[in-house]
Amino acid sequence: QLQLVESGGGLVQPGGSLRLSCAASGFTLDYYRIGWFRQAPGKEREGVSCISSGASSTYYTYYADSVKGRFTISRDNAKNTVYLQMNSLKPEDKAVYYCAALTRAGAVTVQSMCVRTIVGYWGQGTQVTVSS
């Protein structure tokens, strides 16, 4: 059974950091593009950052303008895990963060994946709260 499991969320003060993890089971993560999305109360789900599949010799990444320079997406194919390092967190970063996977087949850029929310599988989400 294909599963994505997020972890690492929690409560952090403004300016603090968290690292989210997305662990895959039932499939090999490096065959998939992976994205982090978030949904704040009363708002639509939005793409935060996406990374190309491990089949590429070079990873392509996309970041939403709101997180550029503060968040970093990375993948460890040996651990079948993708990470989202979040620094300089702001209260407006508070949301449920979801990991998502999209097969590497097809001409979908990581930007399109994030901006148009083109995904095949979702994780269950992890809550991130930024508050003093």
C-alpha atoms as a PDB file:
ATOM      1  CA  GLN A   1       0.000   0.000   0.000  1.00  0.00           C
ATOM      2  CA  LEU A   2       1.421   3.347  -1.053  1.00  0.00           C
ATOM      3  CA  GLN A   3       1.718   5.746   1.879  1.00  0.00           C
ATOM      4  CA  LEU A   4       3.254   9.130   2.625  1.00  0.00           C
ATOM      5  CA  VAL A   5       3.753   9.984   6.280  1.00  0.00           C
ATOM      6  CA  GLU A   6       4.662  13.475   7.421  1.00  0.00           C
ATOM      7  CA  SER A   7       6.325  14.293  10.719  1.00  0.00           C
ATOM      8  CA  GLY A   8       8.168  17.139  12.382  1.00  0.00           C
ATOM      9  CA  GLY A   9       5.374  19.624  12.837  1.00  0.00           C
ATOM     10  CA  GLY A  10       4.745  21.408  16.109  1.00  0.00           C
ATOM     11  CA  LEU A  11       4.656  24.710  17.903  1.00  0.00           C
ATOM     12  CA  VAL A  12       7.511  27.150  17.362  1.00  0.00           C
ATOM     13  CA  GLN A  13       8.084  30.807  18.152  1.00  0.00           C
ATOM     14  CA  PRO A  14       8.366  33.391  15.375  1.00  0.00           C
ATOM     15  CA  GLY A  15      11.864  33.320  13.953  1.00  0.00           C
ATOM     16  CA  GLY A  16      12.297  29.676  14.877  1.00  0.00           C
ATOM     17  CA  SER A  17      12.901  26.625  12.715  1.00  0.00           C
ATOM     18  CA  LEU A  18      11.328  23.268  12.047  1.00  0.00           C
ATOM     19  CA  ARG A  19      12.219  20.414   9.730  1.00  0.00           C
ATOM     20  CA  LEU A  20       9.386  18.428   8.241  1.00  0.00           C
ATOM     21  CA  SER A  21       9.937  14.907   6.973  1.00  0.00           C
ATOM     22  CA  CYS A  22       7.932  12.958   4.423  1.00  0.00           C
ATOM     23  CA  ALA A  23       8.618   9.242   4.542  1.00  0.00           C
ATOM     24  CA  ALA A  24       7.309   6.947   1.848  1.00  0.00           C
ATOM     25  CA  SER A  25       6.293   3.335   2.221  1.00  0.00           C
ATOM     26  CA  GLY A  26       5.080   0.922  -0.387  1.00  0.00           C
ATOM     27  CA  PHE A  27       6.928   2.622  -3.216  1.00  0.00           C
ATOM     28  CA  THR A  28      10.308   4.049  -4.175  1.00  0.00           C
ATOM     29  CA  LEU A  29      10.255   7.774  -3.648  1.00  0.00           C
ATOM     30  CA  ASP A  30      12.957   8.631  -6.185  1.00  0.00           C
ATOM     31  CA  TYR A  31      10.588   7.767  -9.035  1.00  0.00           C
ATOM     32  CA  TYR A  32       8.291  10.573  -7.954  1.00  0.00           C
ATOM     33  CA  ARG A  33       8.222  14.345  -7.914  1.00  0.00           C
ATOM     34  CA  ILE A  34       7.495  15.431  -4.358  1.00  0.00           C
ATOM     35  CA  GLY A  35       5.817  18.547  -3.137  1.00  0.00           C
ATOM     36  CA  TRP A  36       4.972  20.250   0.125  1.00  0.00           C
ATOM     37  CA  PHE A  37       1.623  21.976   0.298  1.00  0.00           C
ATOM     38  CA  ARG A  38      -0.076  23.788   3.138  1.00  0.00           C
ATOM     39  CA  GLN A  39      -3.571  24.788   4.104  1.00  0.00           C
ATOM     40  CA  ALA A  40      -4.368  27.456   6.645  1.00  0.00           C
ATOM     41  CA  PRO A  41      -7.824  27.731   8.233  1.00  0.00           C
ATOM     42  CA  GLY A  42     -10.284  29.273   5.799  1.00  0.00           C
ATOM     43  CA  LYS A  43      -7.801  29.258   2.933  1.00  0.00           C
ATOM     44  CA  GLU A  44      -7.207  27.073  -0.083  1.00  0.00           C
ATOM     45  CA  ARG A  45      -4.393  24.565  -0.135  1.00  0.00           C
ATOM     46  CA  GLU A  46      -1.285  26.066  -1.727  1.00  0.00           C
ATOM     47  CA  GLY A  47       1.982  24.708  -3.041  1.00  0.00           C
ATOM     48  CA  VAL A  48       4.962  25.649  -0.887  1.00  0.00           C
ATOM     49  CA  SER A  49       7.835  23.816  -2.520  1.00  0.00           C
ATOM     50  CA  CYS A  50       8.306  21.008  -5.020  1.00  0.00           C
ATOM     51  CA  ILE A  51      11.288  18.931  -6.127  1.00  0.00           C
ATOM     52  CA  SER A  52      11.912  16.856  -9.211  1.00  0.00           C
ATOM     53  CA  SER A  53      12.205  13.076  -9.159  1.00  0.00           C
ATOM     54  CA  GLY A  54      15.399  11.273  -8.237  1.00  0.00           C
ATOM     55  CA  ALA A  55      15.713  10.013 -11.793  1.00  0.00           C
ATOM     56  CA  SER A  56      17.125  13.379 -12.849  1.00  0.00           C
ATOM     57  CA  SER A  57      20.848  14.043 -12.716  1.00  0.00           C
ATOM     58  CA  THR A  58      19.990  17.475 -11.407  1.00  0.00           C
ATOM     59  CA  TYR A  59      17.178  18.239  -9.009  1.00  0.00           C
ATOM     60  CA  TYR A  60      14.880  21.048  -9.957  1.00  0.00           C
ATOM     61  CA  THR A  61      13.104  22.887  -7.191  1.00  0.00           C
ATOM     62  CA  TYR A  62      10.333  25.416  -6.919  1.00  0.00           C
ATOM     63  CA  TYR A  63       9.466  27.687  -4.011  1.00  0.00           C
ATOM     64  CA  ALA A  64       6.481  29.882  -3.488  1.00  0.00           C
ATOM     65  CA  ASP A  65       7.441  33.552  -3.200  1.00  0.00           C
ATOM     66  CA  SER A  66       6.202  33.623   0.379  1.00  0.00           C
ATOM     67  CA  VAL A  67       8.819  31.076   1.510  1.00  0.00           C
ATOM     68  CA  LYS A  68      11.697  31.741  -0.881  1.00  0.00           C
ATOM     69  CA  GLY A  69      14.954  32.210   1.023  1.00  0.00           C
ATOM     70  CA  ARG A  70      13.494  30.721   4.215  1.00  0.00           C
ATOM     71  CA  PHE A  71      12.496  27.171   3.269  1.00  0.00           C
ATOM     72  CA  THR A  72      14.629  24.473   1.670  1.00  0.00           C
ATOM     73  CA  ILE A  73      13.377  21.236   0.151  1.00  0.00           C
ATOM     74  CA  SER A  74      15.681  18.241  -0.128  1.00  0.00           C
ATOM     75  CA  ARG A  75      15.478  14.533  -0.670  1.00  0.00           C
ATOM     76  CA  ASP A  76      17.370  11.518   0.652  1.00  0.00           C
ATOM     77  CA  ASN A  77      16.544   8.674  -1.688  1.00  0.00           C
ATOM     78  CA  ALA A  78      18.498   6.188   0.403  1.00  0.00           C
ATOM     79  CA  LYS A  79      16.108   6.895   3.280  1.00  0.00           C
ATOM     80  CA  ASN A  80      13.102   7.225   0.965  1.00  0.00           C
ATOM     81  CA  THR A  81      12.416  10.578   2.591  1.00  0.00           C
ATOM     82  CA  VAL A  82      11.945  14.184   1.527  1.00  0.00           C
ATOM     83  CA  TYR A  83      12.508  17.084   3.899  1.00  0.00           C
ATOM     84  CA  LEU A  84      11.355  20.651   4.217  1.00  0.00           C
ATOM     85  CA  GLN A  85      13.658  22.802   6.324  1.00  0.00           C
ATOM     86  CA  MET A  86      11.753  25.852   7.496  1.00  0.00           C
ATOM     87  CA  ASN A  87      13.685  28.753   8.960  1.00  0.00           C
ATOM     88  CA  SER A  88      12.688  32.241  10.081  1.00  0.00           C
ATOM     89  CA  LEU A  89       9.146  31.062  10.596  1.00  0.00           C
ATOM     90  CA  LYS A  90       6.376  33.644  10.679  1.00  0.00           C
ATOM     91  CA  PRO A  91       2.882  33.491  12.197  1.00  0.00           C
ATOM     92  CA  GLU A  92       1.472  33.397   8.657  1.00  0.00           C
ATOM     93  CA  ASP A  93       3.281  30.087   8.072  1.00  0.00           C
ATOM     94  CA  LYS A  94       0.832  28.447  10.455  1.00  0.00           C
ATOM     95  CA  ALA A  95      -0.988  25.710   8.558  1.00  0.00           C
ATOM     96  CA  VAL A  96      -1.371  22.004   8.085  1.00  0.00           C
ATOM     97  CA  TYR A  97       1.495  20.914   5.853  1.00  0.00           C
ATOM     98  CA  TYR A  98       0.962  18.071   3.432  1.00  0.00           C
ATOM     99  CA  CYS A  99       3.432  16.005   1.488  1.00  0.00           C
ATOM    100  CA  ALA A 100       2.374  14.929  -1.989  1.00  0.00           C
ATOM    101  CA  ALA A 101       3.786  12.719  -4.718  1.00  0.00           C
ATOM    102  CA  LEU A 102       3.446  12.737  -8.485  1.00  0.00           C
ATOM    103  CA  THR A 103       4.901  10.076 -10.732  1.00  0.00           C
ATOM    104  CA  ARG A 104       7.850  11.224 -12.834  1.00  0.00           C
ATOM    105  CA  ALA A 105       6.002  10.310 -16.049  1.00  0.00           C
ATOM    106  CA  GLY A 106       4.613  13.189 -18.057  1.00  0.00           C
ATOM    107  CA  ALA A 107       5.823  16.689 -18.822  1.00  0.00           C
ATOM    108  CA  VAL A 108       4.902  18.374 -15.564  1.00  0.00           C
ATOM    109  CA  THR A 109       7.386  20.873 -14.209  1.00  0.00           C
ATOM    110  CA  VAL A 110       7.885  21.207 -10.473  1.00  0.00           C
ATOM    111  CA  GLN A 111       6.495  24.719 -10.773  1.00  0.00           C
ATOM    112  CA  SER A 112       3.314  23.407 -12.368  1.00  0.00           C
ATOM    113  CA  MET A 113       3.034  20.705  -9.752  1.00  0.00           C
ATOM    114  CA  CYS A 114       3.119  23.267  -6.987  1.00  0.00           C
ATOM    115  CA  VAL A 115       1.162  26.111  -8.575  1.00  0.00           C
ATOM    116  CA  ARG A 116      -1.575  23.943 -10.098  1.00  0.00           C
ATOM    117  CA  THR A 117      -1.574  21.296  -7.350  1.00  0.00           C
ATOM    118  CA  ILE A 118      -1.001  18.433  -9.746  1.00  0.00           C
ATOM    119  CA  VAL A 119      -0.516  15.449  -7.459  1.00  0.00           C
ATOM    120  CA  GLY A 120      -1.261  11.775  -7.354  1.00  0.00           C
ATOM    121  CA  TYR A 121      -0.931  10.928  -3.679  1.00  0.00           C
ATOM    122  CA  TRP A 122      -1.322  12.871  -0.450  1.00  0.00           C
ATOM    123  CA  GLY A 123      -0.019  12.369   3.036  1.00  0.00           C
ATOM    124  CA  GLN A 124      -2.206  12.930   6.068  1.00  0.00           C
ATOM    125  CA  GLY A 125      -0.662  16.263   7.042  1.00  0.00           C
ATOM    126  CA  THR A 126       1.214  17.683  10.002  1.00  0.00           C
ATOM    127  CA  GLN A 127       0.296  20.821  11.924  1.00  0.00           C
ATOM    128  CA  VAL A 128       2.727  23.727  12.115  1.00  0.00           C
ATOM    129  CA  THR A 129       1.910  26.538  14.531  1.00  0.00           C
ATOM    130  CA  VAL A 130       4.020  29.676  14.803  1.00  0.00           C
ATOM    131  CA  SER A 131       3.158  31.685  17.864  1.00  0.00           C
ATOM    132  CA  SER A 132       4.773  33.438  20.791  1.00  0.00           C
END
